[in-house]
Protein backbone atom coordinates (compact mmCIF):
# COMPACT_ATOMS: atom_id res chain seq x y z
CA MET A 1 0.06 -0.18 0.42
CA ASP A 2 2.01 3.47 -1.17
CA THR A 3 1.21 5.52 1.66
CA ALA A 4 3.93 8.12 0.66
CA ASN A 5 1.37 10.93 0.39
CA LYS A 6 -0.73 9.78 3.08
CA GLN A 7 -0.32 12.47 6.56
CA TYR A 8 -4.02 11.90 7.67
CA GLY A 9 -6.27 8.95 8.44
CA LEU A 10 -9.79 9.45 8.72
CA ILE A 11 -11.66 6.49 10.78
CA PHE A 12 -15.47 5.84 10.69
CA ASP A 13 -17.22 3.67 12.84
CA VAL A 14 -20.52 2.12 11.49
CA ASP A 15 -23.40 1.93 14.62
CA GLY A 16 -24.68 5.53 14.89
CA VAL A 17 -22.18 7.29 12.87
CA ILE A 18 -22.63 6.10 9.57
CA ALA A 19 -26.11 6.15 9.85
CA ASP A 20 -28.97 5.60 12.50
CA THR A 21 -28.89 2.28 12.99
CA GLU A 22 -28.41 2.60 16.49
CA ALA A 23 -32.27 2.98 16.53
CA VAL A 24 -33.16 -0.33 14.82
CA ASN A 25 -30.41 -1.96 17.17
CA ALA A 26 -32.70 -1.05 19.82
CA ARG A 27 -35.88 -2.17 17.94
CA VAL A 28 -35.14 -5.54 17.58
CA SER A 29 -33.46 -5.74 20.55
CA ILE A 30 -36.28 -5.58 22.95
CA LYS A 31 -38.50 -7.74 20.15
CA VAL A 32 -35.55 -10.26 21.05
CA PHE A 33 -36.20 -9.67 24.32
CA ALA A 34 -39.83 -10.50 24.11
CA ASP A 35 -39.49 -13.18 22.04
CA LEU A 36 -36.77 -15.32 22.81
CA LEU A 37 -36.03 -14.35 26.96
CA GLY A 38 -39.73 -13.52 28.05
CA VAL A 39 -38.97 -10.29 28.88
CA GLU A 40 -40.72 -6.83 28.39
CA GLY A 41 -40.98 -3.07 28.99
CA VAL A 42 -37.43 -2.86 27.57
CA VAL A 43 -36.63 0.43 25.88
CA ARG A 44 -33.36 1.22 23.87
CA GLU A 45 -31.88 3.68 27.04
CA ASP A 46 -31.69 -0.04 28.69
CA PHE A 47 -29.11 -0.67 26.80
CA GLU A 48 -26.65 2.69 26.84
CA ALA A 49 -23.86 1.02 28.99
CA GLY A 50 -23.17 -1.88 26.03
CA LEU A 51 -22.70 1.43 22.68
CA GLY A 52 -20.39 0.31 20.87
CA ARG A 53 -19.22 -2.48 22.84
CA GLY A 54 -20.58 -5.31 19.74
CA ALA A 55 -23.89 -7.42 20.12
CA GLU A 56 -23.19 -9.39 23.05
CA GLU A 57 -22.23 -6.77 25.32
CA TYR A 58 -25.47 -4.70 23.93
CA VAL A 59 -27.66 -7.64 24.88
CA LYS A 60 -25.60 -8.27 28.49
CA ALA A 61 -26.32 -4.82 29.04
CA GLY A 62 -29.93 -4.55 28.65
CA ALA A 63 -30.47 -7.87 30.87
CA ARG A 64 -28.54 -6.49 33.86
CA VAL A 65 -30.76 -3.40 33.75
CA HIS A 66 -33.74 -5.89 34.56
CA GLY A 67 -31.93 -7.84 37.00
CA LEU A 68 -30.84 -10.83 34.11
CA GLU A 69 -27.57 -12.78 34.41
CA LEU A 70 -27.84 -14.17 30.84
CA THR A 71 -26.29 -17.36 29.86
CA ASP A 72 -23.24 -18.03 27.55
CA GLU A 73 -26.12 -19.58 25.03
CA GLN A 74 -28.80 -17.53 26.10
CA VAL A 75 -26.46 -14.63 24.72
CA GLU A 76 -25.25 -16.68 21.95
CA GLN A 77 -29.20 -17.00 21.15
CA ALA A 78 -30.29 -13.61 21.48
CA THR A 79 -27.12 -12.28 19.45
CA LEU A 80 -28.78 -14.73 17.01
CA LEU A 81 -32.19 -13.83 16.37
CA ARG A 82 -31.32 -9.51 16.77
CA GLN A 83 -29.47 -10.05 14.14
CA GLU A 84 -31.23 -11.82 11.95
CA TYR A 85 -34.04 -9.34 13.40
CA PHE A 86 -31.91 -6.78 11.92
CA LEU A 87 -31.12 -8.52 8.93
CA LYS A 88 -34.88 -8.52 7.66
CA ILE A 89 -35.62 -4.84 8.71
CA LEU A 90 -32.29 -3.18 6.17
CA GLY A 91 -33.68 -5.52 3.27
CA GLN A 92 -37.45 -4.35 3.95
CA GLU A 93 -36.72 -0.34 4.91
CA PRO A 94 -34.45 2.23 3.72
CA LEU A 95 -31.58 3.39 5.95
CA PRO A 96 -29.82 7.02 4.96
CA PRO A 97 -26.58 7.61 5.31
CA PHE A 98 -26.28 11.35 8.57
CA PRO A 99 -26.35 14.09 7.35
CA GLY A 100 -22.17 15.18 6.18
CA VAL A 101 -21.81 11.99 6.25
CA MET A 102 -21.22 10.58 1.98
CA GLU A 103 -20.23 14.19 1.50
CA LEU A 104 -16.75 14.03 4.35
CA LEU A 105 -16.04 10.88 2.67
CA ASP A 106 -16.31 11.73 -0.20
CA GLU A 107 -13.86 14.29 0.66
CA ALA A 108 -11.34 12.55 2.55
CA MET A 109 -11.39 9.78 -0.40
CA GLN A 110 -9.88 12.44 -2.61
CA ARG A 111 -7.29 14.32 -1.23
CA GLU A 112 -4.16 12.30 -2.02
CA ASP A 113 -3.16 13.32 1.80
CA PHE A 114 -5.61 11.10 3.74
CA ARG A 115 -6.28 7.49 3.87
CA VAL A 116 -9.97 6.82 5.16
CA ALA A 117 -11.48 3.76 7.02
CA ILE A 118 -14.09 1.84 8.46
CA ALA A 119 -14.09 -0.04 11.90
CA THR A 120 -16.90 -0.93 13.37
CA SER A 121 -17.17 -3.39 16.48
CA GLY A 122 -19.97 -4.79 14.52
CA THR A 123 -20.21 -8.51 12.50
CA LEU A 124 -19.01 -9.14 9.31
CA GLU A 125 -22.87 -9.25 8.25
CA LYS A 126 -24.17 -6.58 9.68
CA SER A 127 -21.42 -3.91 9.45
CA ARG A 128 -22.04 -4.97 5.67
CA ALA A 129 -24.65 -4.73 5.38
CA VAL A 130 -25.61 -1.14 6.62
CA LEU A 131 -22.62 -0.18 4.82
CA ASN A 132 -24.47 -1.77 0.91
CA ALA A 133 -27.73 -0.44 2.44
CA VAL A 134 -26.23 2.82 2.55
CA GLY A 135 -24.33 3.04 -0.38
CA VAL A 136 -20.11 3.24 1.10
CA PRO A 137 -17.91 2.17 -0.56
CA TYR A 138 -15.94 -0.04 1.80
CA GLN A 139 -14.39 -2.63 -1.10
CA LYS A 140 -11.84 1.19 -1.72
CA MET A 141 -11.27 1.55 1.92
CA VAL A 142 -9.77 -0.25 4.84
CA TYR A 143 -12.21 -1.71 6.27
CA ILE A 144 -12.03 -4.05 10.05
CA ASN A 145 -14.79 -5.16 11.31
CA GLY A 146 -15.67 -7.16 15.24
CA ASN A 147 -14.91 -10.38 13.16
CA ASP A 148 -10.90 -8.99 12.86
CA VAL A 149 -10.29 -8.29 16.31
CA LYS A 150 -10.10 -9.67 20.20
CA HIS A 151 -11.16 -7.71 22.38
CA LYS A 152 -14.23 -4.89 21.55
CA LYS A 153 -14.42 -1.17 22.48
CA PRO A 154 -13.44 0.48 25.06
CA ASP A 155 -10.36 -1.49 24.61
CA PRO A 156 -8.21 0.19 22.08
CA GLU A 157 -7.20 -3.24 19.59
CA LEU A 158 -10.59 -2.49 17.02
CA PHE A 159 -8.65 1.61 16.36
CA LEU A 160 -4.88 0.23 16.72
CA ILE A 161 -5.60 -2.33 14.21
CA ALA A 162 -7.11 0.46 11.28
CA ALA A 163 -4.90 2.71 11.89
CA GLN A 164 -1.68 -0.07 10.48
CA ARG A 165 -3.89 -1.36 8.12
CA ILE A 166 -4.22 2.41 6.51
CA GLY A 167 -0.02 2.76 7.77
CA ILE A 168 -0.56 6.22 9.99
CA GLU A 169 0.00 6.72 13.14
CA PRO A 170 -2.53 6.65 16.24
CA ALA A 171 -1.59 10.28 16.32
CA HIS A 172 -2.20 11.52 12.54
CA CYS A 173 -6.06 10.14 12.49
CA VAL A 174 -9.58 10.67 13.27
CA VAL A 175 -11.71 8.55 14.39
CA ILE A 176 -14.98 10.00 14.15
CA GLU A 177 -17.33 7.87 16.77
CA ASP A 178 -21.07 8.29 18.73
CA ALA A 179 -20.48 6.50 21.64
CA PRO A 180 -18.74 6.73 25.30
CA ASN A 181 -17.28 3.17 24.66
CA GLY A 182 -15.96 4.09 21.09
CA VAL A 183 -14.20 7.25 22.13
CA GLN A 184 -12.72 5.93 24.98
CA ALA A 185 -11.41 3.35 22.91
CA ALA A 186 -10.10 6.18 20.17
CA LYS A 187 -8.44 8.22 22.70
CA ALA A 188 -6.35 4.60 24.41
CA ALA A 189 -5.67 4.27 20.52
CA GLY A 190 -3.38 7.71 21.05
CA ALA A 191 -5.94 8.98 17.87
CA ASN A 192 -7.76 12.18 18.29
CA CYS A 193 -11.69 12.18 18.46
CA ILE A 194 -14.66 13.46 17.22
CA ALA A 195 -18.14 12.10 18.65
CA VAL A 196 -21.23 13.47 17.49
CA THR A 197 -24.70 13.25 19.18
CA ASN A 198 -26.47 10.49 17.25
CA SER A 199 -26.34 8.39 19.57
CA THR A 200 -26.14 9.86 23.55
CA THR A 201 -26.04 13.35 24.95
CA ALA A 202 -22.36 15.62 24.49
CA ALA A 203 -22.39 15.36 28.07
CA GLN A 204 -21.79 11.54 27.97
CA LEU A 205 -18.69 11.78 25.11
CA GLY A 206 -16.65 14.30 27.16
CA GLU A 207 -13.73 12.90 26.19
CA ALA A 208 -13.83 13.30 22.84
CA ASP A 209 -11.37 15.72 21.74
CA LEU A 210 -14.41 17.25 19.36
CA ILE A 211 -18.03 16.82 19.84
CA CYS A 212 -20.86 17.76 17.25
CA ASP A 213 -23.82 17.48 16.45
CA SER A 214 -23.64 16.34 12.88
CA LEU A 215 -21.05 15.60 10.30
CA GLU A 216 -22.40 18.68 8.14
CA GLN A 217 -20.58 20.80 10.96
CA ILE A 218 -16.89 19.11 9.85
CA ASN A 219 -14.59 19.64 7.43
CA LEU A 220 -11.46 17.74 5.98
CA ASP A 221 -9.73 20.96 7.28
CA THR A 222 -11.59 20.98 10.54
CA ILE A 223 -9.68 17.33 10.91
CA ILE A 224 -6.33 18.66 10.32
CA GLU A 225 -6.78 21.40 12.93
CA LEU A 226 -6.71 18.65 15.67
CA ILE A 227 -4.58 16.68 14.34
CA ARG A 228 -1.82 19.33 14.09
CA ARG A 229 -3.16 20.50 17.54
CA ASP A 230 -2.38 17.92 18.80
CA PRO A 231 0.66 17.78 21.15
CA ALA A 232 1.90 14.65 19.80
CA ASN A 233 2.14 15.87 16.98
CA SER A 234 3.44 19.37 17.83
């Protein structure tokens, strides 16, 4: 991979950043809790502690809120059924990207001094379905998913691998995230982080270097300025 002219890395999370999949994640998880576990009254907020940490931790977070300690078998059944429901909805309903996402992706991909990566805790099948539905040309960029890592966020492994594969030091990368666990993972990797309030409040994302309400507010000049003002790059 030729990285001679690549000075900056831009790494996108998928769920809650590329498109509003968190609403669908919660919706199908609530259905799983009712259909598989017989638990009613589950709401989206019950899963907040599991945001960005992969399907298993997402399910476990909701279970803990309702006083349940699931067996490994129950967790596996729940995550498989959750993915089945998710993919079914994706096949029936449109999934538009969040405002500003495709513009930022396209702008970075056209620049010689940028490398772009997709890095998500979601499974290969689920994340690829989202990217295809939205129309993200992930085949033309580095693409890391939950199948590629042993440790999920807030562990930095996902973003360290992404930075390595695009050939850019983490300190010269900006990760775009929507969840506290993702922000923690980005910072632990030594990367800069922009958090967008698509899935939770700005107060929950306070560790990020920059917080915005929409990626429409972000351009490549913003990315470059963030990287250059990082003490690690001075």
